[in-house]
Amino acid sequence: MSFVKLQDGRGVYALDSLRLRNQREAVTAPQANTVELFMKSGILYQINENGVEQQIGIPVMTTAQRLTLDILGAIVYDKNLNKHFGYSSTGWQALY
């Protein structure tokens, strides 16, 4: 498994693949400077030594990048138009 720091400088890391269990095995908080991830009911939970955080990361991309995608149900933020878009069976639709 390899980690690559993304160029946006947000401290986000991408990896080749990750398998998550559908339950949490540990009942205590992770050790300092570590993060535990697990899924429950389709929600991704991030747990650190300070407690539970529940987060969703919306991809940020240009209009050109967005138009190359055709993933039903996808939601992205178009940084050229400063709007969120959702992809349905009829194409990309601005959400507001």
PDB file of N, CA and C in Angstrom:
ATOM      1  N   MET A   1       0.858  -1.164   0.000  1.00  0.00           N
ATOM      2  CA  MET A   1       0.000   0.000   0.000  1.00  0.00           C
ATOM      3  C   MET A   1       0.902   1.224   0.000  1.00  0.00           C
ATOM      4  N   SER A   2       0.661   2.134  -0.937  1.00  0.00           N
ATOM      5  CA  SER A   2       1.485   3.337  -1.007  1.00  0.00           C
ATOM      6  C   SER A   2       0.605   4.572  -0.836  1.00  0.00           C
ATOM      7  N   PHE A   3       1.132   5.555  -0.157  1.00  0.00           N
ATOM      8  CA  PHE A   3       0.428   6.808   0.066  1.00  0.00           C
ATOM      9  C   PHE A   3       1.127   7.909  -0.721  1.00  0.00           C
ATOM     10  N   VAL A   4       0.352   8.796  -1.315  1.00  0.00           N
ATOM     11  CA  VAL A   4       0.894   9.907  -2.081  1.00  0.00           C
ATOM     12  C   VAL A   4       0.209  11.176  -1.601  1.00  0.00           C
ATOM     13  N   LYS A   5       0.990  12.181  -1.195  1.00  0.00           N
ATOM     14  CA  LYS A   5       0.394  13.450  -0.765  1.00  0.00           C
ATOM     15  C   LYS A   5      -0.128  14.189  -1.990  1.00  0.00           C
ATOM     16  N   LEU A   6      -1.382  14.621  -1.939  1.00  0.00           N
ATOM     17  CA  LEU A   6      -1.978  15.341  -3.047  1.00  0.00           C
ATOM     18  C   LEU A   6      -1.426  16.754  -3.121  1.00  0.00           C
ATOM     19  N   GLN A   7      -1.482  17.345  -4.301  1.00  0.00           N
ATOM     20  CA  GLN A   7      -0.869  18.650  -4.520  1.00  0.00           C
ATOM     21  C   GLN A   7      -1.678  19.811  -3.968  1.00  0.00           C
ATOM     22  N   ASP A   8      -2.891  19.583  -3.520  1.00  0.00           N
ATOM     23  CA  ASP A   8      -3.705  20.704  -3.040  1.00  0.00           C
ATOM     24  C   ASP A   8      -3.259  21.226  -1.681  1.00  0.00           C
ATOM     25  N   GLY A   9      -2.328  20.538  -1.015  1.00  0.00           N
ATOM     26  CA  GLY A   9      -1.787  21.011   0.248  1.00  0.00           C
ATOM     27  C   GLY A   9      -2.715  20.867   1.427  1.00  0.00           C
ATOM     28  N   ARG A  10      -3.789  20.126   1.305  1.00  0.00           N
ATOM     29  CA  ARG A  10      -4.761  19.986   2.386  1.00  0.00           C
ATOM     30  C   ARG A  10      -4.439  18.836   3.321  1.00  0.00           C
ATOM     31  N   GLY A  11      -3.349  18.161   3.098  1.00  0.00           N
ATOM     32  CA  GLY A  11      -3.017  17.047   3.965  1.00  0.00           C
ATOM     33  C   GLY A  11      -3.848  15.815   3.676  1.00  0.00           C
ATOM     34  N   VAL A  12      -4.422  15.750   2.499  1.00  0.00           N
ATOM     35  CA  VAL A  12      -5.220  14.598   2.096  1.00  0.00           C
ATOM     36  C   VAL A  12      -4.312  13.615   1.391  1.00  0.00           C
ATOM     37  N   TYR A  13      -4.529  12.339   1.643  1.00  0.00           N
ATOM     38  CA  TYR A  13      -3.698  11.320   1.030  1.00  0.00           C
ATOM     39  C   TYR A  13      -4.551  10.391   0.188  1.00  0.00           C
ATOM     40  N   ALA A  14      -3.995   9.978  -0.944  1.00  0.00           N
ATOM     41  CA  ALA A  14      -4.655   8.996  -1.802  1.00  0.00           C
ATOM     42  C   ALA A  14      -3.884   7.695  -1.698  1.00  0.00           C
ATOM     43  N   LEU A  15      -4.572   6.581  -1.860  1.00  0.00           N
ATOM     44  CA  LEU A  15      -3.894   5.302  -1.836  1.00  0.00           C
ATOM     45  C   LEU A  15      -4.483   4.402  -2.897  1.00  0.00           C
ATOM     46  N   ASP A  16      -3.737   3.365  -3.222  1.00  0.00           N
ATOM     47  CA  ASP A  16      -4.146   2.462  -4.295  1.00  0.00           C
ATOM     48  C   ASP A  16      -5.467   1.776  -3.982  1.00  0.00           C
ATOM     49  N   SER A  17      -5.612   1.234  -2.791  1.00  0.00           N
ATOM     50  CA  SER A  17      -6.853   0.576  -2.403  1.00  0.00           C
ATOM     51  C   SER A  17      -6.930   0.495  -0.887  1.00  0.00           C
ATOM     52  N   LEU A  18      -8.132   0.330  -0.394  1.00  0.00           N
ATOM     53  CA  LEU A  18      -8.351   0.252   1.043  1.00  0.00           C
ATOM     54  C   LEU A  18      -9.591  -0.591   1.278  1.00  0.00           C
ATOM     55  N   ARG A  19      -9.492  -1.571   2.151  1.00  0.00           N
ATOM     56  CA  ARG A  19     -10.645  -2.389   2.514  1.00  0.00           C
ATOM     57  C   ARG A  19     -11.075  -2.003   3.920  1.00  0.00           C
ATOM     58  N   LEU A  20     -12.352  -1.734   4.086  1.00  0.00           N
ATOM     59  CA  LEU A  20     -12.886  -1.350   5.386  1.00  0.00           C
ATOM     60  C   LEU A  20     -13.874  -2.401   5.859  1.00  0.00           C
ATOM     61  N   ARG A  21     -13.820  -2.692   7.136  1.00  0.00           N
ATOM     62  CA  ARG A  21     -14.804  -3.598   7.721  1.00  0.00           C
ATOM     63  C   ARG A  21     -16.103  -2.833   7.942  1.00  0.00           C
ATOM     64  N   ASN A  22     -17.196  -3.544   7.994  1.00  0.00           N
ATOM     65  CA  ASN A  22     -18.493  -2.909   8.195  1.00  0.00           C
ATOM     66  C   ASN A  22     -18.847  -2.800   9.677  1.00  0.00           C
ATOM     67  N   GLN A  23     -17.841  -2.817  10.519  1.00  0.00           N
ATOM     68  CA  GLN A  23     -18.058  -2.660  11.953  1.00  0.00           C
ATOM     69  C   GLN A  23     -16.764  -2.197  12.591  1.00  0.00           C
ATOM     70  N   ARG A  24     -16.864  -1.694  13.769  1.00  0.00           N
ATOM     71  CA  ARG A  24     -15.690  -1.257  14.510  1.00  0.00           C
ATOM     72  C   ARG A  24     -15.326  -2.333  15.503  1.00  0.00           C
ATOM     73  N   GLU A  25     -14.060  -2.749  15.488  1.00  0.00           N
ATOM     74  CA  GLU A  25     -13.631  -3.807  16.398  1.00  0.00           C
ATOM     75  C   GLU A  25     -13.163  -3.254  17.736  1.00  0.00           C
ATOM     76  N   ALA A  26     -12.434  -2.159  17.718  1.00  0.00           N
ATOM     77  CA  ALA A  26     -11.900  -1.594  18.957  1.00  0.00           C
ATOM     78  C   ALA A  26     -12.980  -0.788  19.671  1.00  0.00           C
ATOM     79  N   VAL A  27     -12.930  -0.759  20.990  1.00  0.00           N
ATOM     80  CA  VAL A  27     -13.889   0.038  21.758  1.00  0.00           C
ATOM     81  C   VAL A  27     -13.215   1.221  22.434  1.00  0.00           C
ATOM     82  N   THR A  28     -11.905   1.322  22.308  1.00  0.00           N
ATOM     83  CA  THR A  28     -11.177   2.453  22.876  1.00  0.00           C
ATOM     84  C   THR A  28     -10.704   3.356  21.751  1.00  0.00           C
ATOM     85  N   ALA A  29     -10.389   4.596  22.087  1.00  0.00           N
ATOM     86  CA  ALA A  29      -9.903   5.543  21.084  1.00  0.00           C
ATOM     87  C   ALA A  29      -8.537   5.109  20.568  1.00  0.00           C
ATOM     88  N   PRO A  30      -8.235   5.401  19.301  1.00  0.00           N
ATOM     89  CA  PRO A  30      -6.916   5.066  18.768  1.00  0.00           C
ATOM     90  C   PRO A  30      -5.816   5.812  19.516  1.00  0.00           C
ATOM     91  N   GLN A  31      -4.594   5.342  19.351  1.00  0.00           N
ATOM     92  CA  GLN A  31      -3.448   5.997  19.975  1.00  0.00           C
ATOM     93  C   GLN A  31      -3.240   7.369  19.351  1.00  0.00           C
ATOM     94  N   ALA A  32      -2.487   8.225  20.033  1.00  0.00           N
ATOM     95  CA  ALA A  32      -2.200   9.568  19.537  1.00  0.00           C
ATOM     96  C   ALA A  32      -1.547   9.489  18.163  1.00  0.00           C
ATOM     97  N   ASN A  33      -1.864  10.450  17.323  1.00  0.00           N
ATOM     98  CA  ASN A  33      -1.307  10.575  15.976  1.00  0.00           C
ATOM     99  C   ASN A  33      -1.684   9.427  15.049  1.00  0.00           C
ATOM    100  N   THR A  34      -2.770   8.730  15.346  1.00  0.00           N
ATOM    101  CA  THR A  34      -3.275   7.693  14.444  1.00  0.00           C
ATOM    102  C   THR A  34      -4.752   7.955  14.178  1.00  0.00           C
ATOM    103  N   VAL A  35      -5.249   7.391  13.115  1.00  0.00           N
ATOM    104  CA  VAL A  35      -6.650   7.539  12.736  1.00  0.00           C
ATOM    105  C   VAL A  35      -7.203   6.160  12.432  1.00  0.00           C
ATOM    106  N   GLU A  36      -8.401   5.898  12.888  1.00  0.00           N
ATOM    107  CA  GLU A  36      -9.089   4.648  12.589  1.00  0.00           C
ATOM    108  C   GLU A  36     -10.271   4.964  11.685  1.00  0.00           C
ATOM    109  N   LEU A  37     -10.431   4.185  10.627  1.00  0.00           N
ATOM    110  CA  LEU A  37     -11.562   4.340   9.722  1.00  0.00           C
ATOM    111  C   LEU A  37     -12.410   3.086   9.768  1.00  0.00           C
ATOM    112  N   PHE A  38     -13.731   3.259   9.764  1.00  0.00           N
ATOM    113  CA  PHE A  38     -14.616   2.110   9.621  1.00  0.00           C
ATOM    114  C   PHE A  38     -15.934   2.573   9.027  1.00  0.00           C
ATOM    115  N   MET A  39     -16.675   1.634   8.455  1.00  0.00           N
ATOM    116  CA  MET A  39     -17.958   1.952   7.849  1.00  0.00           C
ATOM    117  C   MET A  39     -19.078   1.295   8.634  1.00  0.00           C
ATOM    118  N   LYS A  40     -20.202   2.009   8.749  1.00  0.00           N
ATOM    119  CA  LYS A  40     -21.396   1.465   9.374  1.00  0.00           C
ATOM    120  C   LYS A  40     -22.594   2.056   8.650  1.00  0.00           C
ATOM    121  N   SER A  41     -23.449   1.214   8.153  1.00  0.00           N
ATOM    122  CA  SER A  41     -24.649   1.649   7.423  1.00  0.00           C
ATOM    123  C   SER A  41     -24.306   2.581   6.268  1.00  0.00           C
ATOM    124  N   GLY A  42     -23.194   2.312   5.593  1.00  0.00           N
ATOM    125  CA  GLY A  42     -22.802   3.106   4.439  1.00  0.00           C
ATOM    126  C   GLY A  42     -22.192   4.451   4.764  1.00  0.00           C
ATOM    127  N   ILE A  43     -21.938   4.738   6.043  1.00  0.00           N
ATOM    128  CA  ILE A  43     -21.340   6.010   6.452  1.00  0.00           C
ATOM    129  C   ILE A  43     -19.907   5.746   6.878  1.00  0.00           C
ATOM    130  N   LEU A  44     -18.969   6.536   6.346  1.00  0.00           N
ATOM    131  CA  LEU A  44     -17.563   6.400   6.702  1.00  0.00           C
ATOM    132  C   LEU A  44     -17.283   7.232   7.948  1.00  0.00           C
ATOM    133  N   TYR A  45     -16.755   6.585   8.972  1.00  0.00           N
ATOM    134  CA  TYR A  45     -16.407   7.265  10.220  1.00  0.00           C
ATOM    135  C   TYR A  45     -14.900   7.343  10.354  1.00  0.00           C
ATOM    136  N   GLN A  46     -14.425   8.488  10.795  1.00  0.00           N
ATOM    137  CA  GLN A  46     -13.015   8.684  11.106  1.00  0.00           C
ATOM    138  C   GLN A  46     -12.934   8.913  12.603  1.00  0.00           C
ATOM    139  N   ILE A  47     -12.138   8.104  13.287  1.00  0.00           N
ATOM    140  CA  ILE A  47     -11.998   8.242  14.733  1.00  0.00           C
ATOM    141  C   ILE A  47     -10.539   8.536  15.042  1.00  0.00           C
ATOM    142  N   ASN A  48     -10.306   9.572  15.838  1.00  0.00           N
ATOM    143  CA  ASN A  48      -8.953   9.855  16.307  1.00  0.00           C
ATOM    144  C   ASN A  48      -8.983   9.932  17.829  1.00  0.00           C
ATOM    145  N   GLU A  49      -7.859  10.300  18.426  1.00  0.00           N
ATOM    146  CA  GLU A  49      -7.799  10.295  19.887  1.00  0.00           C
ATOM    147  C   GLU A  49      -8.724  11.326  20.523  1.00  0.00           C
ATOM    148  N   ASN A  50      -9.273  12.251  19.728  1.00  0.00           N
ATOM    149  CA  ASN A  50     -10.170  13.278  20.257  1.00  0.00           C
ATOM    150  C   ASN A  50     -11.646  12.917  20.142  1.00  0.00           C
ATOM    151  N   GLY A  51     -11.972  11.813  19.495  1.00  0.00           N
ATOM    152  CA  GLY A  51     -13.372  11.426  19.353  1.00  0.00           C
ATOM    153  C   GLY A  51     -13.728  11.053  17.929  1.00  0.00           C
ATOM    154  N   VAL A  52     -15.004  11.137  17.614  1.00  0.00           N
ATOM    155  CA  VAL A  52     -15.501  10.711  16.309  1.00  0.00           C
ATOM    156  C   VAL A  52     -15.758  11.929  15.429  1.00  0.00           C
ATOM    157  N   GLU A  53     -15.334  11.850  14.191  1.00  0.00           N
ATOM    158  CA  GLU A  53     -15.672  12.843  13.186  1.00  0.00           C
ATOM    159  C   GLU A  53     -16.313  12.105  12.028  1.00  0.00           C
ATOM    160  N   GLN A  54     -17.385  12.630  11.509  1.00  0.00           N
ATOM    161  CA  GLN A  54     -18.058  12.029  10.366  1.00  0.00           C
ATOM    162  C   GLN A  54     -17.898  12.993   9.206  1.00  0.00           C
ATOM    163  N   GLN A  55     -17.305  12.554   8.104  1.00  0.00           N
ATOM    164  CA  GLN A  55     -16.997  13.487   7.033  1.00  0.00           C
ATOM    165  C   GLN A  55     -17.294  12.902   5.666  1.00  0.00           C
ATOM    166  N   ILE A  56     -17.591  13.782   4.730  1.00  0.00           N
ATOM    167  CA  ILE A  56     -17.686  13.446   3.317  1.00  0.00           C
ATOM    168  C   ILE A  56     -16.770  14.415   2.590  1.00  0.00           C
ATOM    169  N   GLY A  57     -16.004  13.919   1.670  1.00  0.00           N
ATOM    170  CA  GLY A  57     -15.158  14.788   0.860  1.00  0.00           C
ATOM    171  C   GLY A  57     -15.746  14.920  -0.538  1.00  0.00           C
ATOM    172  N   ILE A  58     -16.170  16.108  -0.922  1.00  0.00           N
ATOM    173  CA  ILE A  58     -16.700  16.345  -2.261  1.00  0.00           C
ATOM    174  C   ILE A  58     -15.521  16.675  -3.176  1.00  0.00           C
ATOM    175  N   PRO A  59     -15.353  15.947  -4.290  1.00  0.00           N
ATOM    176  CA  PRO A  59     -14.247  16.242  -5.202  1.00  0.00           C
ATOM    177  C   PRO A  59     -14.363  17.643  -5.796  1.00  0.00           C
ATOM    178  N   VAL A  60     -13.231  18.343  -5.879  1.00  0.00           N
ATOM    179  CA  VAL A  60     -13.154  19.669  -6.485  1.00  0.00           C
ATOM    180  C   VAL A  60     -12.416  19.511  -7.806  1.00  0.00           C
ATOM    181  N   MET A  61     -13.013  20.024  -8.895  1.00  0.00           N
ATOM    182  CA  MET A  61     -12.397  19.864 -10.212  1.00  0.00           C
ATOM    183  C   MET A  61     -12.811  20.992 -11.133  1.00  0.00           C
ATOM    184  N   THR A  62     -12.160  21.043 -12.290  1.00  0.00           N
ATOM    185  CA  THR A  62     -12.501  22.036 -13.303  1.00  0.00           C
ATOM    186  C   THR A  62     -13.700  21.547 -14.107  1.00  0.00           C
ATOM    187  N   THR A  63     -14.271  22.454 -14.895  1.00  0.00           N
ATOM    188  CA  THR A  63     -15.386  22.074 -15.762  1.00  0.00           C
ATOM    189  C   THR A  63     -14.950  20.999 -16.745  1.00  0.00           C
ATOM    190  N   ALA A  64     -13.767  21.142 -17.332  1.00  0.00           N
ATOM    191  CA  ALA A  64     -13.270  20.152 -18.295  1.00  0.00           C
ATOM    192  C   ALA A  64     -13.140  18.775 -17.651  1.00  0.00           C
ATOM    193  N   GLN A  65     -12.631  18.715 -16.433  1.00  0.00           N
ATOM    194  CA  GLN A  65     -12.505  17.438 -15.732  1.00  0.00           C
ATOM    195  C   GLN A  65     -13.875  16.841 -15.439  1.00  0.00           C
ATOM    196  N   ARG A  66     -14.807  17.677 -14.991  1.00  0.00           N
ATOM    197  CA  ARG A  66     -16.158  17.206 -14.661  1.00  0.00           C
ATOM    198  C   ARG A  66     -16.842  16.597 -15.874  1.00  0.00           C
ATOM    199  N   LEU A  67     -16.680  17.232 -17.031  1.00  0.00           N
ATOM    200  CA  LEU A  67     -17.372  16.768 -18.233  1.00  0.00           C
ATOM    201  C   LEU A  67     -16.841  15.441 -18.759  1.00  0.00           C
ATOM    202  N   THR A  68     -15.687  14.983 -18.268  1.00  0.00           N
ATOM    203  CA  THR A  68     -15.169  13.673 -18.680  1.00  0.00           C
ATOM    204  C   THR A  68     -15.758  12.544 -17.846  1.00  0.00           C
ATOM    205  N   LEU A  69     -16.450  12.869 -16.756  1.00  0.00           N
ATOM    206  CA  LEU A  69     -17.013  11.853 -15.865  1.00  0.00           C
ATOM    207  C   LEU A  69     -18.473  11.576 -16.201  1.00  0.00           C
ATOM    208  N   ASP A  70     -18.880  10.338 -16.042  1.00  0.00           N
ATOM    209  CA  ASP A  70     -20.291   9.982 -16.217  1.00  0.00           C
ATOM    210  C   ASP A  70     -20.680   8.922 -15.190  1.00  0.00           C
ATOM    211  N   ILE A  71     -20.515   9.270 -13.925  1.00  0.00           N
ATOM    212  CA  ILE A  71     -20.790   8.352 -12.820  1.00  0.00           C
ATOM    213  C   ILE A  71     -22.140   8.722 -12.213  1.00  0.00           C
ATOM    214  N   LEU A  72     -23.128   7.874 -12.425  1.00  0.00           N
ATOM    215  CA  LEU A  72     -24.479   8.128 -11.940  1.00  0.00           C
ATOM    216  C   LEU A  72     -24.476   8.357 -10.427  1.00  0.00           C
ATOM    217  N   GLY A  73     -25.034   9.471  -9.986  1.00  0.00           N
ATOM    218  CA  GLY A  73     -25.106   9.788  -8.566  1.00  0.00           C
ATOM    219  C   GLY A  73     -23.928  10.587  -8.034  1.00  0.00           C
ATOM    220  N   ALA A  74     -22.939  10.871  -8.880  1.00  0.00           N
ATOM    221  CA  ALA A  74     -21.754  11.617  -8.434  1.00  0.00           C
ATOM    222  C   ALA A  74     -22.120  13.064  -8.112  1.00  0.00           C
ATOM    223  N   ILE A  75     -21.451  13.617  -7.114  1.00  0.00           N
ATOM    224  CA  ILE A  75     -21.579  15.029  -6.764  1.00  0.00           C
ATOM    225  C   ILE A  75     -20.173  15.603  -6.731  1.00  0.00           C
ATOM    226  N   VAL A  76     -19.963  16.731  -7.423  1.00  0.00           N
ATOM    227  CA  VAL A  76     -18.656  17.382  -7.469  1.00  0.00           C
ATOM    228  C   VAL A  76     -18.838  18.887  -7.314  1.00  0.00           C
ATOM    229  N   TYR A  77     -17.729  19.566  -6.994  1.00  0.00           N
ATOM    230  CA  TYR A  77     -17.718  21.029  -6.957  1.00  0.00           C
ATOM    231  C   TYR A  77     -16.905  21.503  -8.146  1.00  0.00           C
ATOM    232  N   ASP A  78     -17.513  22.296  -9.022  1.00  0.00           N
ATOM    233  CA  ASP A  78     -16.842  22.839 -10.204  1.00  0.00           C
ATOM    234  C   ASP A  78     -16.202  24.166  -9.814  1.00  0.00           C
ATOM    235  N   LYS A  79     -14.862  24.185  -9.756  1.00  0.00           N
ATOM    236  CA  LYS A  79     -14.181  25.398  -9.293  1.00  0.00           C
ATOM    237  C   LYS A  79     -14.153  26.500 -10.346  1.00  0.00           C
ATOM    238  N   ASN A  80     -14.433  26.183 -11.622  1.00  0.00           N
ATOM    239  CA  ASN A  80     -14.537  27.229 -12.632  1.00  0.00           C
ATOM    240  C   ASN A  80     -15.857  27.988 -12.508  1.00  0.00           C
ATOM    241  N   LEU A  81     -16.924  27.272 -12.181  1.00  0.00           N
ATOM    242  CA  LEU A  81     -18.254  27.877 -12.086  1.00  0.00           C
ATOM    243  C   LEU A  81     -18.679  28.166 -10.650  1.00  0.00           C
ATOM    244  N   ASN A  82     -17.859  27.725  -9.678  1.00  0.00           N
ATOM    245  CA  ASN A  82     -18.160  27.919  -8.254  1.00  0.00           C
ATOM    246  C   ASN A  82     -19.537  27.385  -7.872  1.00  0.00           C
ATOM    247  N   LYS A  83     -19.833  26.149  -8.332  1.00  0.00           N
ATOM    248  CA  LYS A  83     -21.112  25.509  -8.029  1.00  0.00           C
ATOM    249  C   LYS A  83     -20.918  24.012  -7.835  1.00  0.00           C
ATOM    250  N   HIS A  84     -21.843  23.418  -7.082  1.00  0.00           N
ATOM    251  CA  HIS A  84     -21.908  21.965  -6.952  1.00  0.00           C
ATOM    252  C   HIS A  84     -22.776  21.415  -8.086  1.00  0.00           C
ATOM    253  N   PHE A  85     -22.365  20.258  -8.637  1.00  0.00           N
ATOM    254  CA  PHE A  85     -23.110  19.601  -9.707  1.00  0.00           C
ATOM    255  C   PHE A  85     -23.362  18.153  -9.333  1.00  0.00           C
ATOM    256  N   GLY A  86     -24.483  17.625  -9.778  1.00  0.00           N
ATOM    257  CA  GLY A  86     -24.809  16.215  -9.596  1.00  0.00           C
ATOM    258  C   GLY A  86     -25.029  15.572 -10.954  1.00  0.00           C
ATOM    259  N   TYR A  87     -24.622  14.304 -11.093  1.00  0.00           N
ATOM    260  CA  TYR A  87     -24.790  13.599 -12.367  1.00  0.00           C
ATOM    261  C   TYR A  87     -25.976  12.657 -12.284  1.00  0.00           C
ATOM    262  N   SER A  88     -26.916  12.826 -13.215  1.00  0.00           N
ATOM    263  CA  SER A  88     -28.085  11.941 -13.286  1.00  0.00           C
ATOM    264  C   SER A  88     -28.098  11.281 -14.663  1.00  0.00           C
ATOM    265  N   SER A  89     -29.129  10.535 -14.945  1.00  0.00           N
ATOM    266  CA  SER A  89     -29.221   9.847 -16.237  1.00  0.00           C
ATOM    267  C   SER A  89     -29.317  10.817 -17.411  1.00  0.00           C
ATOM    268  N   THR A  90     -29.619  12.076 -17.139  1.00  0.00           N
ATOM    269  CA  THR A  90     -29.695  13.079 -18.208  1.00  0.00           C
ATOM    270  C   THR A  90     -28.453  13.951 -18.280  1.00  0.00           C
ATOM    271  N   GLY A  91     -27.435  13.684 -17.482  1.00  0.00           N
ATOM    272  CA  GLY A  91     -26.194  14.454 -17.511  1.00  0.00           C
ATOM    273  C   GLY A  91     -25.975  15.253 -16.236  1.00  0.00           C
ATOM    274  N   TRP A  92     -25.055  16.208 -16.304  1.00  0.00           N
ATOM    275  CA  TRP A  92     -24.704  17.037 -15.151  1.00  0.00           C
ATOM    276  C   TRP A  92     -25.743  18.127 -14.944  1.00  0.00           C
ATOM    277  N   GLN A  93     -26.166  18.312 -13.692  1.00  0.00           N
ATOM    278  CA  GLN A  93     -27.137  19.343 -13.329  1.00  0.00           C
ATOM    279  C   GLN A  93     -26.576  20.166 -12.169  1.00  0.00           C
ATOM    280  N   ALA A  94     -26.659  21.497 -12.270  1.00  0.00           N
ATOM    281  CA  ALA A  94     -26.273  22.352 -11.149  1.00  0.00           C
ATOM    282  C   ALA A  94     -27.238  22.090  -9.997  1.00  0.00           C
ATOM    283  N   LEU A  95     -26.719  22.004  -8.782  1.00  0.00           N
ATOM    284  CA  LEU A  95     -27.569  21.707  -7.625  1.00  0.00           C
ATOM    285  C   LEU A  95     -28.216  22.956  -7.036  1.00  0.00           C
ATOM    286  N   TYR A  96     -27.818  24.139  -7.485  1.00  0.00           N
ATOM    287  CA  TYR A  96     -28.436  25.393  -7.035  1.00  0.00           C
ATOM    288  C   TYR A  96     -28.200  26.460  -8.064  1.00  0.00           C
TER     289      TYR A  96
END
